[in-house]
N, C-alpha and C. Protein backbone atom coordinates (compact mmCIF):
# COMPACT_ATOMS: atom_id res chain seq x y z
N MET A 1 2.47 -30.72 23.64
CA MET A 1 2.07 -30.27 22.32
C MET A 1 3.25 -30.33 21.36
N ASN A 2 4.44 -30.21 21.89
CA ASN A 2 5.63 -30.23 21.06
C ASN A 2 6.17 -31.65 20.97
N PRO A 3 6.20 -32.25 19.77
CA PRO A 3 6.71 -33.61 19.67
C PRO A 3 8.21 -33.64 19.98
N LYS A 4 8.66 -34.79 20.47
CA LYS A 4 10.08 -34.93 20.79
C LYS A 4 10.91 -34.85 19.52
N LYS A 5 11.93 -34.01 19.55
CA LYS A 5 12.78 -33.83 18.38
C LYS A 5 13.80 -34.97 18.32
N PRO A 6 14.03 -35.53 17.14
CA PRO A 6 14.99 -36.63 17.04
C PRO A 6 16.42 -36.15 17.22
N ASN A 7 17.31 -37.08 17.51
CA ASN A 7 18.73 -36.76 17.64
C ASN A 7 19.40 -36.54 16.31
N PHE A 8 18.61 -36.66 15.24
CA PHE A 8 19.06 -36.44 13.88
C PHE A 8 20.06 -37.48 13.40
N PRO A 9 19.67 -38.76 13.47
CA PRO A 9 20.54 -39.78 12.89
C PRO A 9 20.37 -39.83 11.37
N LEU A 10 21.45 -39.66 10.66
CA LEU A 10 21.38 -39.66 9.19
C LEU A 10 21.05 -41.04 8.63
N SER A 11 21.14 -42.07 9.45
CA SER A 11 20.82 -43.41 8.97
C SER A 11 19.32 -43.70 9.06
N ASP A 12 18.55 -42.82 9.65
CA ASP A 12 17.10 -43.00 9.79
C ASP A 12 16.43 -42.65 8.46
N VAL A 13 16.01 -43.67 7.72
CA VAL A 13 15.44 -43.49 6.39
C VAL A 13 14.14 -42.68 6.46
N ASN A 14 13.33 -42.95 7.47
CA ASN A 14 12.07 -42.23 7.62
C ASN A 14 12.31 -40.73 7.81
N LEU A 15 13.27 -40.40 8.66
CA LEU A 15 13.60 -38.99 8.90
C LEU A 15 14.12 -38.33 7.63
N LEU A 16 15.04 -38.99 6.94
CA LEU A 16 15.58 -38.42 5.71
C LEU A 16 14.51 -38.25 4.64
N THR A 17 13.57 -39.17 4.60
CA THR A 17 12.47 -39.05 3.64
C THR A 17 11.61 -37.83 3.97
N GLN A 18 11.29 -37.66 5.23
CA GLN A 18 10.48 -36.50 5.64
C GLN A 18 11.22 -35.20 5.37
N LEU A 19 12.50 -35.15 5.67
CA LEU A 19 13.28 -33.93 5.42
C LEU A 19 13.40 -33.67 3.91
N SER A 20 13.53 -34.73 3.12
CA SER A 20 13.59 -34.57 1.66
C SER A 20 12.28 -34.01 1.13
N LEU A 21 11.18 -34.50 1.67
CA LEU A 21 9.88 -33.98 1.24
C LEU A 21 9.71 -32.51 1.64
N LEU A 22 10.15 -32.17 2.83
CA LEU A 22 10.08 -30.76 3.24
C LEU A 22 10.96 -29.88 2.36
N THR A 23 12.13 -30.39 2.00
CA THR A 23 13.03 -29.64 1.11
C THR A 23 12.39 -29.45 -0.26
N ALA A 24 11.81 -30.52 -0.79
CA ALA A 24 11.15 -30.42 -2.10
C ALA A 24 9.97 -29.46 -2.04
N LEU A 25 9.21 -29.51 -0.97
CA LEU A 25 8.08 -28.60 -0.82
C LEU A 25 8.54 -27.15 -0.74
N SER A 26 9.58 -26.90 0.05
CA SER A 26 10.07 -25.51 0.15
C SER A 26 10.67 -25.04 -1.17
N LEU A 27 11.31 -25.95 -1.90
CA LEU A 27 11.86 -25.59 -3.21
C LEU A 27 10.74 -25.28 -4.20
N GLY A 28 9.68 -26.06 -4.14
CA GLY A 28 8.52 -25.80 -5.00
C GLY A 28 7.87 -24.46 -4.70
N ILE A 29 7.72 -24.16 -3.43
CA ILE A 29 7.15 -22.87 -3.03
C ILE A 29 8.06 -21.73 -3.49
N TYR A 30 9.37 -21.92 -3.32
CA TYR A 30 10.33 -20.92 -3.77
C TYR A 30 10.21 -20.69 -5.28
N GLY A 31 10.09 -21.80 -6.02
CA GLY A 31 9.96 -21.69 -7.48
C GLY A 31 8.70 -20.97 -7.89
N LEU A 32 7.59 -21.30 -7.25
CA LEU A 32 6.33 -20.60 -7.56
C LEU A 32 6.41 -19.12 -7.23
N GLU A 33 7.02 -18.82 -6.10
CA GLU A 33 7.15 -17.41 -5.72
C GLU A 33 8.07 -16.65 -6.68
N SER A 34 9.06 -17.33 -7.24
CA SER A 34 9.96 -16.66 -8.18
C SER A 34 9.26 -16.35 -9.50
N LEU A 35 8.14 -17.02 -9.78
CA LEU A 35 7.38 -16.76 -11.00
C LEU A 35 6.46 -15.54 -10.87
N LEU A 36 6.20 -15.14 -9.63
CA LEU A 36 5.33 -13.98 -9.41
C LEU A 36 6.03 -12.70 -9.84
N PRO A 37 5.27 -11.73 -10.33
CA PRO A 37 5.90 -10.42 -10.61
C PRO A 37 6.33 -9.78 -9.30
N PRO A 38 7.29 -8.87 -9.36
CA PRO A 38 7.74 -8.23 -8.12
C PRO A 38 6.57 -7.56 -7.39
N LEU A 39 6.46 -7.88 -6.11
CA LEU A 39 5.39 -7.30 -5.30
C LEU A 39 5.82 -5.99 -4.64
N PHE A 40 7.14 -5.78 -4.59
CA PHE A 40 7.69 -4.60 -3.93
C PHE A 40 8.67 -3.90 -4.87
N PRO A 41 8.86 -2.61 -4.71
CA PRO A 41 9.78 -1.88 -5.61
C PRO A 41 11.26 -2.06 -5.28
N ILE A 42 11.57 -2.78 -4.21
CA ILE A 42 12.97 -3.00 -3.82
C ILE A 42 13.48 -4.25 -4.55
N PRO A 43 14.65 -4.18 -5.19
CA PRO A 43 15.18 -5.34 -5.92
C PRO A 43 15.35 -6.57 -5.02
N GLY A 44 14.84 -7.70 -5.48
CA GLY A 44 15.02 -8.95 -4.77
C GLY A 44 14.10 -9.17 -3.57
N MET A 45 13.28 -8.20 -3.24
CA MET A 45 12.42 -8.33 -2.06
C MET A 45 11.18 -9.14 -2.41
N LYS A 46 10.89 -10.15 -1.57
CA LYS A 46 9.71 -10.98 -1.77
C LYS A 46 9.20 -11.45 -0.42
N LEU A 47 8.11 -12.20 -0.44
CA LEU A 47 7.47 -12.64 0.80
C LEU A 47 8.29 -13.68 1.56
N GLY A 48 9.02 -14.51 0.89
CA GLY A 48 9.80 -15.55 1.55
C GLY A 48 8.94 -16.71 2.04
N LEU A 49 7.98 -17.11 1.22
CA LEU A 49 7.03 -18.15 1.62
C LEU A 49 7.69 -19.51 1.85
N ALA A 50 8.82 -19.77 1.23
CA ALA A 50 9.52 -21.04 1.46
C ALA A 50 9.98 -21.17 2.90
N ASN A 51 10.10 -20.04 3.59
CA ASN A 51 10.53 -20.08 4.99
C ASN A 51 9.45 -20.62 5.91
N ILE A 52 8.23 -20.74 5.42
CA ILE A 52 7.18 -21.41 6.20
C ILE A 52 7.64 -22.84 6.49
N ILE A 53 8.16 -23.49 5.47
CA ILE A 53 8.62 -24.87 5.62
C ILE A 53 9.86 -24.93 6.51
N THR A 54 10.72 -23.93 6.41
CA THR A 54 11.90 -23.89 7.27
C THR A 54 11.50 -23.84 8.73
N LEU A 55 10.50 -23.03 9.05
CA LEU A 55 10.03 -22.95 10.44
C LEU A 55 9.38 -24.24 10.90
N VAL A 56 8.65 -24.88 10.00
CA VAL A 56 8.05 -26.17 10.34
C VAL A 56 9.17 -27.18 10.63
N ALA A 57 10.21 -27.20 9.82
CA ALA A 57 11.34 -28.11 10.05
C ALA A 57 12.03 -27.80 11.37
N LEU A 58 12.16 -26.53 11.69
CA LEU A 58 12.80 -26.14 12.95
C LEU A 58 12.00 -26.64 14.14
N ARG A 59 10.71 -26.43 14.13
CA ARG A 59 9.88 -26.84 15.26
C ARG A 59 9.69 -28.35 15.35
N ARG A 60 9.59 -29.01 14.21
CA ARG A 60 9.31 -30.45 14.25
C ARG A 60 10.57 -31.30 14.40
N TYR A 61 11.68 -30.85 13.81
CA TYR A 61 12.86 -31.71 13.75
C TYR A 61 14.11 -31.12 14.40
N GLY A 62 14.08 -29.86 14.79
CA GLY A 62 15.22 -29.26 15.46
C GLY A 62 16.15 -28.51 14.54
N PRO A 63 17.16 -27.85 15.12
CA PRO A 63 18.04 -26.96 14.36
C PRO A 63 18.91 -27.66 13.31
N LYS A 64 19.45 -28.83 13.62
CA LYS A 64 20.33 -29.51 12.65
C LYS A 64 19.57 -29.90 11.39
N ALA A 65 18.41 -30.50 11.59
CA ALA A 65 17.60 -30.91 10.44
C ALA A 65 17.12 -29.69 9.66
N CYS A 66 16.76 -28.65 10.38
CA CYS A 66 16.31 -27.41 9.73
C CYS A 66 17.44 -26.82 8.89
N ALA A 67 18.64 -26.79 9.44
CA ALA A 67 19.79 -26.26 8.70
C ALA A 67 20.05 -27.07 7.44
N LEU A 68 19.87 -28.37 7.52
CA LEU A 68 20.06 -29.22 6.34
C LEU A 68 19.01 -28.91 5.27
N VAL A 69 17.75 -28.81 5.66
CA VAL A 69 16.67 -28.46 4.73
C VAL A 69 16.95 -27.10 4.09
N LEU A 70 17.35 -26.13 4.91
CA LEU A 70 17.63 -24.78 4.42
C LEU A 70 18.79 -24.78 3.43
N PHE A 71 19.87 -25.46 3.78
CA PHE A 71 21.05 -25.47 2.92
C PHE A 71 20.76 -26.12 1.56
N VAL A 72 20.10 -27.27 1.60
CA VAL A 72 19.80 -27.97 0.34
C VAL A 72 18.84 -27.14 -0.51
N ARG A 73 17.85 -26.52 0.12
CA ARG A 73 16.93 -25.67 -0.64
C ARG A 73 17.68 -24.50 -1.29
N CYS A 74 18.54 -23.83 -0.54
CA CYS A 74 19.30 -22.70 -1.09
C CYS A 74 20.17 -23.15 -2.26
N LEU A 75 20.83 -24.28 -2.09
CA LEU A 75 21.71 -24.78 -3.15
C LEU A 75 20.91 -25.14 -4.40
N LEU A 76 19.84 -25.88 -4.23
CA LEU A 76 19.04 -26.27 -5.39
C LEU A 76 18.34 -25.07 -6.03
N ALA A 77 17.89 -24.12 -5.23
CA ALA A 77 17.24 -22.93 -5.77
C ALA A 77 18.21 -22.11 -6.61
N ALA A 78 19.45 -21.99 -6.15
CA ALA A 78 20.45 -21.25 -6.92
C ALA A 78 20.75 -21.97 -8.24
N LEU A 79 20.82 -23.28 -8.20
CA LEU A 79 21.10 -24.05 -9.42
C LEU A 79 19.93 -24.03 -10.40
N LEU A 80 18.71 -24.12 -9.88
CA LEU A 80 17.55 -24.25 -10.76
C LEU A 80 16.91 -22.92 -11.16
N PHE A 81 16.92 -21.93 -10.28
CA PHE A 81 16.15 -20.71 -10.52
C PHE A 81 16.99 -19.44 -10.59
N GLY A 82 18.22 -19.50 -10.20
CA GLY A 82 18.99 -18.27 -10.13
C GLY A 82 20.36 -18.42 -10.73
N GLN A 83 21.23 -17.58 -10.26
CA GLN A 83 22.62 -17.66 -10.64
C GLN A 83 23.39 -18.08 -9.40
N MET A 84 24.59 -18.50 -9.59
CA MET A 84 25.36 -18.94 -8.44
C MET A 84 25.63 -17.79 -7.47
N LEU A 85 25.60 -16.55 -7.96
CA LEU A 85 25.78 -15.42 -7.07
C LEU A 85 24.63 -15.33 -6.06
N SER A 86 23.45 -15.74 -6.50
CA SER A 86 22.31 -15.70 -5.58
C SER A 86 22.49 -16.68 -4.43
N LEU A 87 23.35 -17.68 -4.59
CA LEU A 87 23.62 -18.63 -3.51
C LEU A 87 24.23 -17.91 -2.31
N ALA A 88 25.12 -16.98 -2.55
CA ALA A 88 25.73 -16.23 -1.44
C ALA A 88 24.68 -15.46 -0.65
N TYR A 89 23.76 -14.82 -1.36
CA TYR A 89 22.69 -14.07 -0.69
C TYR A 89 21.77 -15.01 0.09
N SER A 90 21.41 -16.12 -0.53
CA SER A 90 20.49 -17.06 0.12
C SER A 90 21.10 -17.70 1.36
N ILE A 91 22.33 -18.14 1.24
CA ILE A 91 23.00 -18.79 2.38
C ILE A 91 23.18 -17.80 3.52
N ALA A 92 23.67 -16.60 3.20
CA ALA A 92 23.89 -15.60 4.25
C ALA A 92 22.58 -15.22 4.92
N GLY A 93 21.59 -14.87 4.12
CA GLY A 93 20.30 -14.48 4.68
C GLY A 93 19.65 -15.61 5.45
N GLY A 94 19.68 -16.82 4.87
CA GLY A 94 19.03 -17.96 5.49
C GLY A 94 19.65 -18.35 6.83
N PHE A 95 20.97 -18.39 6.89
CA PHE A 95 21.60 -18.85 8.13
C PHE A 95 21.66 -17.76 9.20
N VAL A 96 21.75 -16.50 8.82
CA VAL A 96 21.64 -15.43 9.81
C VAL A 96 20.22 -15.43 10.38
N CYS A 97 19.25 -15.64 9.50
CA CYS A 97 17.85 -15.75 9.91
C CYS A 97 17.67 -16.92 10.88
N LEU A 98 18.22 -18.08 10.53
CA LEU A 98 18.08 -19.27 11.37
C LEU A 98 18.70 -19.05 12.75
N LEU A 99 19.87 -18.44 12.80
CA LEU A 99 20.51 -18.17 14.09
C LEU A 99 19.65 -17.23 14.94
N ALA A 100 19.10 -16.19 14.32
CA ALA A 100 18.23 -15.27 15.05
C ALA A 100 16.97 -15.98 15.54
N GLU A 101 16.41 -16.83 14.69
CA GLU A 101 15.19 -17.56 15.08
C GLU A 101 15.47 -18.52 16.23
N LEU A 102 16.63 -19.18 16.21
CA LEU A 102 16.99 -20.08 17.30
C LEU A 102 17.11 -19.32 18.62
N LEU A 103 17.75 -18.17 18.58
CA LEU A 103 17.92 -17.36 19.78
C LEU A 103 16.57 -16.85 20.31
N ILE A 104 15.77 -16.28 19.43
CA ILE A 104 14.47 -15.74 19.85
C ILE A 104 13.54 -16.86 20.30
N ASP A 105 13.56 -17.98 19.60
CA ASP A 105 12.72 -19.12 19.97
C ASP A 105 13.07 -19.60 21.38
N ARG A 106 14.36 -19.61 21.69
CA ARG A 106 14.79 -20.02 23.03
C ARG A 106 14.36 -19.00 24.07
N LEU A 107 14.51 -17.71 23.75
CA LEU A 107 14.11 -16.66 24.70
C LEU A 107 12.60 -16.67 24.96
N LEU A 108 11.83 -16.94 23.91
CA LEU A 108 10.37 -16.95 24.04
C LEU A 108 9.83 -18.32 24.45
N LYS A 109 10.73 -19.27 24.71
CA LYS A 109 10.35 -20.63 25.10
C LYS A 109 9.38 -21.26 24.10
N GLN A 110 9.67 -21.08 22.84
CA GLN A 110 8.91 -21.63 21.70
C GLN A 110 7.46 -21.17 21.68
N LYS A 111 7.21 -19.98 22.17
CA LYS A 111 5.88 -19.39 22.07
C LYS A 111 5.96 -18.25 21.06
N ALA A 112 4.84 -17.86 20.53
CA ALA A 112 4.74 -16.72 19.61
C ALA A 112 5.65 -16.89 18.40
N LEU A 113 5.33 -17.90 17.59
CA LEU A 113 6.13 -18.18 16.39
C LEU A 113 6.18 -16.99 15.44
N TYR A 114 5.13 -16.17 15.44
CA TYR A 114 5.13 -15.00 14.57
C TYR A 114 6.22 -14.00 14.98
N LEU A 115 6.52 -13.91 16.27
CA LEU A 115 7.62 -13.03 16.71
C LEU A 115 8.97 -13.62 16.33
N THR A 116 9.11 -14.92 16.51
CA THR A 116 10.35 -15.60 16.11
C THR A 116 10.60 -15.36 14.63
N SER A 117 9.57 -15.53 13.82
CA SER A 117 9.70 -15.36 12.38
C SER A 117 9.93 -13.90 11.99
N SER A 118 9.33 -12.98 12.72
CA SER A 118 9.56 -11.55 12.43
C SER A 118 11.03 -11.19 12.61
N PHE A 119 11.62 -11.67 13.70
CA PHE A 119 13.06 -11.43 13.89
C PHE A 119 13.86 -12.14 12.80
N GLY A 120 13.41 -13.34 12.42
CA GLY A 120 14.08 -14.06 11.34
C GLY A 120 14.05 -13.29 10.04
N GLY A 121 12.89 -12.73 9.70
CA GLY A 121 12.76 -11.94 8.48
C GLY A 121 13.66 -10.71 8.50
N LEU A 122 13.71 -10.06 9.65
CA LEU A 122 14.58 -8.89 9.80
C LEU A 122 16.04 -9.28 9.59
N PHE A 123 16.48 -10.33 10.27
CA PHE A 123 17.88 -10.73 10.17
C PHE A 123 18.22 -11.35 8.82
N HIS A 124 17.25 -11.95 8.17
CA HIS A 124 17.47 -12.44 6.81
C HIS A 124 17.86 -11.28 5.90
N ASN A 125 17.11 -10.19 5.99
CA ASN A 125 17.41 -9.02 5.17
C ASN A 125 18.75 -8.39 5.55
N LEU A 126 19.08 -8.38 6.84
CA LEU A 126 20.37 -7.83 7.27
C LEU A 126 21.53 -8.67 6.74
N GLY A 127 21.36 -9.99 6.75
CA GLY A 127 22.40 -10.88 6.20
C GLY A 127 22.60 -10.65 4.71
N GLN A 128 21.51 -10.49 3.99
CA GLN A 128 21.62 -10.24 2.55
C GLN A 128 22.21 -8.87 2.26
N LEU A 129 21.87 -7.88 3.07
CA LEU A 129 22.46 -6.55 2.89
C LEU A 129 23.97 -6.58 3.14
N ALA A 130 24.40 -7.35 4.12
CA ALA A 130 25.83 -7.47 4.39
C ALA A 130 26.56 -8.07 3.19
N VAL A 131 25.98 -9.08 2.58
CA VAL A 131 26.58 -9.68 1.38
C VAL A 131 26.61 -8.67 0.24
N ALA A 132 25.52 -7.92 0.08
CA ALA A 132 25.48 -6.91 -0.99
C ALA A 132 26.56 -5.85 -0.79
N CYS A 133 26.78 -5.44 0.45
CA CYS A 133 27.83 -4.45 0.73
C CYS A 133 29.22 -5.04 0.45
N LEU A 134 29.42 -6.31 0.78
CA LEU A 134 30.71 -6.95 0.50
C LEU A 134 30.95 -7.10 -1.00
N ILE A 135 29.93 -7.51 -1.72
CA ILE A 135 30.08 -7.73 -3.17
C ILE A 135 30.30 -6.43 -3.91
N THR A 136 29.56 -5.40 -3.54
CA THR A 136 29.71 -4.11 -4.22
C THR A 136 30.85 -3.27 -3.66
N ALA A 137 31.42 -3.70 -2.53
CA ALA A 137 32.47 -2.93 -1.84
C ALA A 137 32.01 -1.50 -1.62
N SER A 138 30.75 -1.37 -1.22
CA SER A 138 30.15 -0.06 -1.05
C SER A 138 29.07 -0.16 0.02
N ALA A 139 28.77 0.99 0.60
CA ALA A 139 27.67 1.06 1.57
C ALA A 139 26.35 1.44 0.90
N ALA A 140 26.36 1.58 -0.41
CA ALA A 140 25.17 1.99 -1.15
C ALA A 140 23.95 1.10 -0.90
N PRO A 141 24.12 -0.23 -0.79
CA PRO A 141 22.93 -1.06 -0.53
C PRO A 141 22.22 -0.73 0.78
N LEU A 142 22.92 -0.09 1.69
CA LEU A 142 22.30 0.25 2.98
C LEU A 142 21.20 1.31 2.84
N THR A 143 21.09 1.93 1.68
CA THR A 143 20.00 2.89 1.47
C THR A 143 18.64 2.20 1.51
N PHE A 144 18.63 0.88 1.26
CA PHE A 144 17.39 0.10 1.33
C PHE A 144 17.04 -0.34 2.74
N LEU A 145 17.93 -0.11 3.70
CA LEU A 145 17.77 -0.63 5.06
C LEU A 145 16.43 -0.30 5.71
N PRO A 146 15.97 0.95 5.70
CA PRO A 146 14.68 1.22 6.37
C PRO A 146 13.52 0.42 5.78
N TYR A 147 13.50 0.29 4.47
CA TYR A 147 12.43 -0.46 3.81
C TYR A 147 12.53 -1.95 4.11
N LEU A 148 13.76 -2.45 4.13
CA LEU A 148 13.96 -3.87 4.38
C LEU A 148 13.67 -4.24 5.84
N ILE A 149 13.89 -3.32 6.75
CA ILE A 149 13.54 -3.58 8.16
C ILE A 149 12.04 -3.77 8.28
N ILE A 150 11.29 -2.84 7.71
CA ILE A 150 9.82 -2.92 7.78
C ILE A 150 9.32 -4.17 7.05
N ALA A 151 9.82 -4.40 5.86
CA ALA A 151 9.38 -5.55 5.06
C ALA A 151 9.74 -6.87 5.75
N GLY A 152 10.93 -6.96 6.31
CA GLY A 152 11.36 -8.18 6.98
C GLY A 152 10.48 -8.52 8.16
N ILE A 153 10.12 -7.50 8.94
CA ILE A 153 9.27 -7.73 10.11
C ILE A 153 7.86 -8.14 9.68
N LEU A 154 7.30 -7.43 8.70
CA LEU A 154 5.93 -7.73 8.27
C LEU A 154 5.82 -9.08 7.56
N THR A 155 6.72 -9.35 6.63
CA THR A 155 6.65 -10.64 5.93
C THR A 155 7.00 -11.77 6.89
N GLY A 156 7.92 -11.53 7.81
CA GLY A 156 8.25 -12.54 8.82
C GLY A 156 7.06 -12.87 9.70
N CYS A 157 6.30 -11.86 10.05
CA CYS A 157 5.09 -12.08 10.85
C CYS A 157 4.09 -12.95 10.08
N PHE A 158 3.90 -12.64 8.81
CA PHE A 158 2.99 -13.42 7.97
C PHE A 158 3.46 -14.87 7.84
N VAL A 159 4.74 -15.07 7.59
CA VAL A 159 5.32 -16.40 7.45
C VAL A 159 5.17 -17.16 8.77
N GLY A 160 5.40 -16.49 9.89
CA GLY A 160 5.26 -17.13 11.19
C GLY A 160 3.84 -17.56 11.49
N LEU A 161 2.88 -16.73 11.12
CA LEU A 161 1.47 -17.10 11.32
C LEU A 161 1.09 -18.30 10.45
N CYS A 162 1.55 -18.30 9.21
CA CYS A 162 1.28 -19.44 8.32
C CYS A 162 1.91 -20.71 8.89
N SER A 163 3.12 -20.61 9.40
CA SER A 163 3.81 -21.76 9.99
C SER A 163 3.06 -22.27 11.22
N HIS A 164 2.60 -21.33 12.04
CA HIS A 164 1.86 -21.69 13.25
C HIS A 164 0.63 -22.54 12.90
N PHE A 165 -0.11 -22.12 11.89
CA PHE A 165 -1.31 -22.86 11.50
C PHE A 165 -0.96 -24.19 10.84
N LEU A 166 0.13 -24.22 10.07
CA LEU A 166 0.55 -25.46 9.43
C LEU A 166 1.01 -26.49 10.46
N LEU A 167 1.62 -26.04 11.53
CA LEU A 167 2.10 -26.96 12.57
C LEU A 167 0.97 -27.64 13.33
N ARG A 168 -0.23 -27.18 13.18
CA ARG A 168 -1.37 -27.82 13.82
C ARG A 168 -1.72 -29.16 13.19
N PHE A 169 -1.24 -29.37 11.96
CA PHE A 169 -1.54 -30.61 11.24
C PHE A 169 -0.36 -31.57 11.36
N PRO A 170 -0.63 -32.83 11.67
CA PRO A 170 0.48 -33.79 11.78
C PRO A 170 1.03 -34.16 10.41
N LEU A 171 2.33 -34.40 10.36
CA LEU A 171 2.97 -34.92 9.14
C LEU A 171 2.89 -36.43 9.18
N GLN A 172 2.54 -37.03 8.08
CA GLN A 172 2.46 -38.49 8.06
C GLN A 172 3.11 -39.04 6.84
């Protein structure tokens, strides 16, 4: 059921085209989500729907390709929709999330994508909180920790379920 992951040759035009399309799709989803009014009373908290595409890239193309899609999306999102300070939050949250997802995915033998994503959502918020504490030189952002733990797990579960259903369709 799991297609063979490529060795990630950067000279493969077909692979780069597919990764570019996934990056553009995740950037578009990110942009649409940034237009929504805040759904939660915590600053900066959102569903993280662009991570659906990140999980699809992880499962279909492997960790290196996924990291490339994630990095380019974070960079372009900061340039197009945010401030450069948001790049630090996105990169920290995204890559801590990716590392957690890789570990959990390996432990679960690539089963239960919703659990993998739940841990990813949790660690994404922890990575962003760490950056907030470093930038403010204060532990004050940790007051949001209980809410962000719950939100990260719930939104991660939702993102994982969406990714699971999206992976049923072949990319062409």
